[in-house]
Protein backbone atom coordinates (compact mmCIF):
# COMPACT_ATOMS: atom_id res chain seq x y z
CA GLU A 1 5.86 9.07 -4.47
CA ILE A 2 7.11 6.22 -6.65
CA THR A 3 10.16 4.65 -5.01
CA ALA A 4 10.98 1.71 -7.31
CA VAL A 5 10.03 0.51 -10.77
CA GLU A 6 11.20 -2.60 -12.57
CA GLU A 7 9.05 -2.82 -15.68
CA GLY A 8 6.96 -5.97 -15.73
CA ARG A 9 8.26 -7.03 -12.30
CA ARG A 10 7.89 -4.49 -9.48
CA LEU A 11 6.24 -1.19 -8.56
CA GLU A 12 6.66 0.42 -5.13
CA TRP A 13 5.58 3.76 -3.70
CA VAL A 14 5.24 5.63 -0.43
CA SER A 15 2.25 7.69 0.66
CA PHE A 16 2.20 10.31 3.35
CA PRO A 17 -0.73 11.60 5.37
CA PRO A 18 -1.99 14.95 4.15
CA MET A 19 0.31 17.46 5.81
CA LYS A 20 2.11 20.62 4.93
CA ASP A 21 5.26 20.02 2.88
CA ALA A 22 7.42 21.30 5.75
CA ASN A 23 6.19 18.39 7.92
CA ARG A 24 6.24 15.74 5.18
CA GLY A 25 7.15 12.33 6.58
CA LYS A 26 6.78 13.34 10.23
CA GLY A 27 3.21 12.02 10.31
CA GLY A 28 4.25 8.50 9.44
CA ARG A 29 4.08 6.91 6.02
CA VAL A 30 2.74 3.89 4.23
CA LEU A 31 5.01 1.84 1.97
CA TRP A 32 3.15 0.00 -0.79
CA GLY A 33 4.19 -2.34 -3.55
CA TYR A 34 3.31 -4.93 -6.15
CA GLU A 35 5.60 -7.68 -7.39
CA LEU A 36 5.04 -9.97 -10.36
CA SER A 37 6.73 -13.37 -10.72
CA PRO A 38 6.28 -16.36 -13.03
CA SER A 39 4.05 -19.09 -11.58
CA GLY A 40 3.37 -22.23 -13.57
CA GLU A 41 1.72 -21.12 -16.81
CA GLY A 42 0.73 -17.74 -15.38
CA THR A 43 1.92 -14.88 -13.22
CA ARG A 44 1.78 -14.40 -9.48
CA LEU A 45 0.93 -10.90 -8.23
CA GLU A 46 1.85 -10.02 -4.65
CA HIS A 47 0.97 -6.87 -2.78
CA HIS A 48 2.60 -5.52 0.35
CA MET A 49 1.89 -2.61 2.66
CA THR A 50 3.87 -1.40 5.66
CA VAL A 51 2.66 1.39 7.93
CA THR A 52 5.37 3.28 9.80
CA GLU A 53 4.55 5.24 12.93
CA PRO A 54 4.81 9.00 12.95
CA ARG A 55 7.47 10.77 15.01
CA LYS A 56 4.73 12.55 16.98
CA GLY A 57 1.08 11.84 17.65
CA VAL A 58 1.32 8.05 17.73
CA ALA A 59 -1.42 7.68 20.34
CA MET A 60 -3.83 9.80 18.29
CA LEU A 61 -3.04 7.89 15.11
CA LYS A 62 -3.53 4.51 16.81
CA ALA A 63 -6.84 5.68 18.27
CA MET A 64 -7.98 6.88 14.85
CA TYR A 65 -7.04 3.54 13.27
CA LYS A 66 -9.03 1.69 15.94
CA VAL A 67 -12.10 3.95 15.89
CA PHE A 68 -12.40 3.88 12.10
CA GLY A 69 -11.35 0.22 11.73
CA LEU A 70 -8.67 1.23 9.25
CA PRO A 71 -6.49 -1.91 9.30
CA ALA A 72 -9.43 -4.12 8.28
CA LYS A 73 -10.49 -1.58 5.64
CA GLN A 74 -6.95 -1.46 4.24
CA VAL A 75 -6.78 -5.25 4.00
CA ALA A 76 -10.20 -5.39 2.33
CA GLY A 77 -9.23 -2.60 -0.07
CA GLY A 78 -6.01 -4.41 -0.97
CA ARG A 79 -7.89 -7.61 -1.71
CA THR A 80 -10.42 -5.74 -3.85
CA THR A 81 -7.61 -4.11 -5.83
CA LEU A 82 -5.90 -7.47 -6.41
CA GLU A 83 -9.21 -9.04 -7.52
CA ASN A 84 -9.78 -6.15 -9.94
CA ILE A 85 -6.27 -6.50 -11.38
CA LYS A 86 -6.76 -10.28 -11.77
CA ARG A 87 -10.10 -9.80 -13.48
CA ALA A 88 -8.66 -7.20 -15.89
CA ALA A 89 -5.61 -9.36 -16.67
CA GLU A 90 -7.75 -12.43 -17.38
CA GLN A 91 -9.95 -10.48 -19.79
CA SER A 92 -6.97 -9.54 -21.96
């Protein structure tokens, strides 16, 4: 779900784990965002991600993150996305 938009400056959204709508938000959430700001002769793009713990099942979620190496994969995925955005912006 998009939570904030400032055209040309900021985009933020929240994602929820796949759950039934009745339990939406109880399984934790991930808050994502991009912010653009002037930097010298160009633009600085920053990305942020915050993972909030679920109300129930924290131990299982932490185990899953560790077993699948999700934090490292999320960081790598974020970097790849930023590199792709930079590459696309520089081609324009």
